[in-house]
Amino acid sequence: MYRYFSVLYPRKCHPFSTIVNMPNIDRKLLPDELGRLAPDVFRAAEKRKVRFVLDDLRSRHNVGSVFRTADAFALDGLDLCGFTPLPPHREIEKTALGTCHIPNELATGSQRGHCLSAG
């Protein structure tokens, strides 16, 4: 079914690390084949009227991950409140992978209570 390259250095690489004649269904898709919008078209597209509220989310990596998720689902923005770290920060930007452009607001005091009770 599959043929494997002969292993020249058996102690340095695994014999199943390279497969020859891989079926086309298992290949990595090219960027043009993913069906994604161009970045300028995506920025101009209408956003969903949904906002995430991050209340006391302390991990900068998790905040960056939420930024990526908000960008993927084209959300209206993020409300950051409590001890949630704010961008720009290198750990947030590292995890957000360029999605820190999502509109975000710092909710404090009465705004924080309104964000958490709205719904």
C-alpha atoms as a PDB file:
ATOM      1  CA  MET A   1       0.000   0.000   0.000  1.00  0.00           C
ATOM      2  CA  TYR A   2       2.545   2.590   1.102  1.00  0.00           C
ATOM      3  CA  ARG A   3       6.224   2.375   0.377  1.00  0.00           C
ATOM      4  CA  TYR A   4       8.683   3.833   2.842  1.00  0.00           C
ATOM      5  CA  PHE A   5      12.085   5.273   2.090  1.00  0.00           C
ATOM      6  CA  SER A   6      14.893   3.020   3.111  1.00  0.00           C
ATOM      7  CA  VAL A   7      16.368   4.345   6.290  1.00  0.00           C
ATOM      8  CA  LEU A   8      19.950   5.450   5.873  1.00  0.00           C
ATOM      9  CA  TYR A   9      20.488   6.378   9.498  1.00  0.00           C
ATOM     10  CA  PRO A  10      18.337   4.039  11.589  1.00  0.00           C
ATOM     11  CA  ARG A  11      19.412   5.550  14.909  1.00  0.00           C
ATOM     12  CA  LYS A  12      18.645   9.148  13.867  1.00  0.00           C
ATOM     13  CA  CYS A  13      15.232   8.921  12.190  1.00  0.00           C
ATOM     14  CA  HIS A  14      12.119   6.822  12.434  1.00  0.00           C
ATOM     15  CA  PRO A  15      11.436   4.506   9.447  1.00  0.00           C
ATOM     16  CA  PHE A  16       7.848   5.779   9.122  1.00  0.00           C
ATOM     17  CA  SER A  17       8.767   9.455   9.111  1.00  0.00           C
ATOM     18  CA  THR A  18       8.571   9.884   5.318  1.00  0.00           C
ATOM     19  CA  ILE A  19       5.851   8.280   3.226  1.00  0.00           C
ATOM     20  CA  VAL A  20       6.033   7.970  -0.553  1.00  0.00           C
ATOM     21  CA  ASN A  21       2.891   8.017  -2.708  1.00  0.00           C
ATOM     22  CA  MET A  22       0.675   9.658  -0.093  1.00  0.00           C
ATOM     23  CA  PRO A  23      -2.974   9.735  -1.226  1.00  0.00           C
ATOM     24  CA  ASN A  24      -4.244  13.123  -2.429  1.00  0.00           C
ATOM     25  CA  ILE A  25      -6.952  13.247   0.253  1.00  0.00           C
ATOM     26  CA  ASP A  26      -4.298  13.358   2.978  1.00  0.00           C
ATOM     27  CA  ARG A  27      -2.216  16.152   1.503  1.00  0.00           C
ATOM     28  CA  LYS A  28      -1.843  19.602   2.991  1.00  0.00           C
ATOM     29  CA  LEU A  29      -4.096  22.152   1.302  1.00  0.00           C
ATOM     30  CA  LEU A  30      -2.621  25.202  -0.363  1.00  0.00           C
ATOM     31  CA  PRO A  31      -3.686  28.642   0.936  1.00  0.00           C
ATOM     32  CA  ASP A  32      -5.758  29.273  -2.206  1.00  0.00           C
ATOM     33  CA  GLU A  33      -7.696  26.034  -1.661  1.00  0.00           C
ATOM     34  CA  LEU A  34      -8.904  26.897   1.857  1.00  0.00           C
ATOM     35  CA  GLY A  35     -11.677  29.225   0.681  1.00  0.00           C
ATOM     36  CA  ARG A  36     -10.680  32.054   3.024  1.00  0.00           C
ATOM     37  CA  LEU A  37     -11.440  35.696   2.405  1.00  0.00           C
ATOM     38  CA  ALA A  38      -8.618  38.059   1.543  1.00  0.00           C
ATOM     39  CA  PRO A  39      -7.506  40.125   4.586  1.00  0.00           C
ATOM     40  CA  ASP A  40      -8.880  43.437   3.248  1.00  0.00           C
ATOM     41  CA  VAL A  41     -12.219  41.822   2.334  1.00  0.00           C
ATOM     42  CA  PHE A  42     -12.413  40.196   5.781  1.00  0.00           C
ATOM     43  CA  ARG A  43     -11.787  43.535   7.557  1.00  0.00           C
ATOM     44  CA  ALA A  44     -14.544  45.200   5.514  1.00  0.00           C
ATOM     45  CA  ALA A  45     -17.028  42.363   6.064  1.00  0.00           C
ATOM     46  CA  GLU A  46     -19.952  42.849   8.426  1.00  0.00           C
ATOM     47  CA  LYS A  47     -19.207  41.626  11.949  1.00  0.00           C
ATOM     48  CA  ARG A  48     -21.557  39.674  14.199  1.00  0.00           C
ATOM     49  CA  LYS A  49     -23.119  41.784  16.947  1.00  0.00           C
ATOM     50  CA  VAL A  50     -21.609  39.576  19.640  1.00  0.00           C
ATOM     51  CA  ARG A  51     -18.921  40.565  22.134  1.00  0.00           C
ATOM     52  CA  PHE A  52     -16.916  38.388  24.502  1.00  0.00           C
ATOM     53  CA  VAL A  53     -16.546  39.587  28.090  1.00  0.00           C
ATOM     54  CA  LEU A  54     -13.266  38.546  29.689  1.00  0.00           C
ATOM     55  CA  ASP A  55     -13.627  38.986  33.437  1.00  0.00           C
ATOM     56  CA  ASP A  56     -10.534  38.246  35.543  1.00  0.00           C
ATOM     57  CA  LEU A  57      -8.940  36.089  32.859  1.00  0.00           C
ATOM     58  CA  ARG A  58      -5.369  36.260  34.156  1.00  0.00           C
ATOM     59  CA  SER A  59      -3.374  34.236  31.638  1.00  0.00           C
ATOM     60  CA  ARG A  60      -1.987  36.350  28.803  1.00  0.00           C
ATOM     61  CA  HIS A  61      -1.850  33.270  26.587  1.00  0.00           C
ATOM     62  CA  ASN A  62      -5.582  32.644  27.113  1.00  0.00           C
ATOM     63  CA  VAL A  63      -6.341  36.289  26.313  1.00  0.00           C
ATOM     64  CA  GLY A  64      -4.412  35.944  23.045  1.00  0.00           C
ATOM     65  CA  SER A  65      -6.317  32.770  22.261  1.00  0.00           C
ATOM     66  CA  VAL A  66      -9.644  34.558  22.790  1.00  0.00           C
ATOM     67  CA  PHE A  67      -8.480  37.312  20.419  1.00  0.00           C
ATOM     68  CA  ARG A  68      -7.820  34.629  17.778  1.00  0.00           C
ATOM     69  CA  THR A  69     -11.228  33.063  18.389  1.00  0.00           C
ATOM     70  CA  ALA A  70     -12.990  36.437  18.143  1.00  0.00           C
ATOM     71  CA  ASP A  71     -11.218  37.098  14.852  1.00  0.00           C
ATOM     72  CA  ALA A  72     -12.113  33.661  13.470  1.00  0.00           C
ATOM     73  CA  PHE A  73     -15.827  34.129  14.226  1.00  0.00           C
ATOM     74  CA  ALA A  74     -15.849  37.805  13.097  1.00  0.00           C
ATOM     75  CA  LEU A  75     -17.131  39.078  16.445  1.00  0.00           C
ATOM     76  CA  ASP A  76     -17.861  42.744  17.098  1.00  0.00           C
ATOM     77  CA  GLY A  77     -15.208  43.006  19.817  1.00  0.00           C
ATOM     78  CA  LEU A  78     -14.061  42.136  23.316  1.00  0.00           C
ATOM     79  CA  ASP A  79     -14.768  43.688  26.718  1.00  0.00           C
ATOM     80  CA  LEU A  80     -11.858  43.243  29.103  1.00  0.00           C
ATOM     81  CA  CYS A  81     -12.512  43.750  32.800  1.00  0.00           C
ATOM     82  CA  GLY A  82     -11.075  42.894  36.170  1.00  0.00           C
ATOM     83  CA  PHE A  83      -7.510  41.591  36.245  1.00  0.00           C
ATOM     84  CA  THR A  84      -7.514  40.689  32.543  1.00  0.00           C
ATOM     85  CA  PRO A  85      -4.235  41.803  30.925  1.00  0.00           C
ATOM     86  CA  LEU A  86      -4.484  44.304  28.093  1.00  0.00           C
ATOM     87  CA  PRO A  87      -2.707  44.327  24.743  1.00  0.00           C
ATOM     88  CA  PRO A  88      -0.132  45.300  23.620  1.00  0.00           C
ATOM     89  CA  HIS A  89       1.950  42.729  25.473  1.00  0.00           C
ATOM     90  CA  ARG A  90       4.413  40.337  23.886  1.00  0.00           C
ATOM     91  CA  GLU A  91       2.786  37.188  25.345  1.00  0.00           C
ATOM     92  CA  ILE A  92      -0.685  38.249  24.178  1.00  0.00           C
ATOM     93  CA  GLU A  93       0.582  39.172  20.724  1.00  0.00           C
ATOM     94  CA  LYS A  94       2.548  35.929  20.436  1.00  0.00           C
ATOM     95  CA  THR A  95      -0.565  33.837  21.056  1.00  0.00           C
ATOM     96  CA  ALA A  96      -2.960  36.148  19.175  1.00  0.00           C
ATOM     97  CA  LEU A  97      -0.929  35.725  15.963  1.00  0.00           C
ATOM     98  CA  GLY A  98      -1.678  39.192  14.587  1.00  0.00           C
ATOM     99  CA  THR A  99      -5.312  39.444  15.671  1.00  0.00           C
ATOM    100  CA  CYS A 100      -4.881  42.145  18.335  1.00  0.00           C
ATOM    101  CA  HIS A 101      -6.613  44.575  15.943  1.00  0.00           C
ATOM    102  CA  ILE A 102      -9.987  43.311  17.254  1.00  0.00           C
ATOM    103  CA  PRO A 103     -11.769  46.235  18.960  1.00  0.00           C
ATOM    104  CA  ASN A 104     -11.433  45.853  22.707  1.00  0.00           C
ATOM    105  CA  GLU A 105     -12.535  48.025  25.594  1.00  0.00           C
ATOM    106  CA  LEU A 106     -11.549  48.115  29.219  1.00  0.00           C
ATOM    107  CA  ALA A 107     -14.716  47.982  31.327  1.00  0.00           C
ATOM    108  CA  THR A 108     -14.291  49.388  34.834  1.00  0.00           C
ATOM    109  CA  GLY A 109     -16.648  50.090  37.750  1.00  0.00           C
ATOM    110  CA  SER A 110     -20.280  50.409  36.695  1.00  0.00           C
ATOM    111  CA  GLN A 111     -19.438  49.459  33.101  1.00  0.00           C
ATOM    112  CA  ARG A 112     -18.101  46.127  34.395  1.00  0.00           C
ATOM    113  CA  GLY A 113     -21.348  45.406  36.226  1.00  0.00           C
ATOM    114  CA  HIS A 114     -23.353  46.306  33.131  1.00  0.00           C
ATOM    115  CA  CYS A 115     -21.246  43.996  30.934  1.00  0.00           C
ATOM    116  CA  LEU A 116     -21.655  41.069  33.321  1.00  0.00           C
ATOM    117  CA  SER A 117     -25.394  41.564  33.887  1.00  0.00           C
ATOM    118  CA  ALA A 118     -26.325  42.239  30.252  1.00  0.00           C
ATOM    119  CA  GLY A 119     -27.802  39.255  28.586  1.00  0.00           C
END
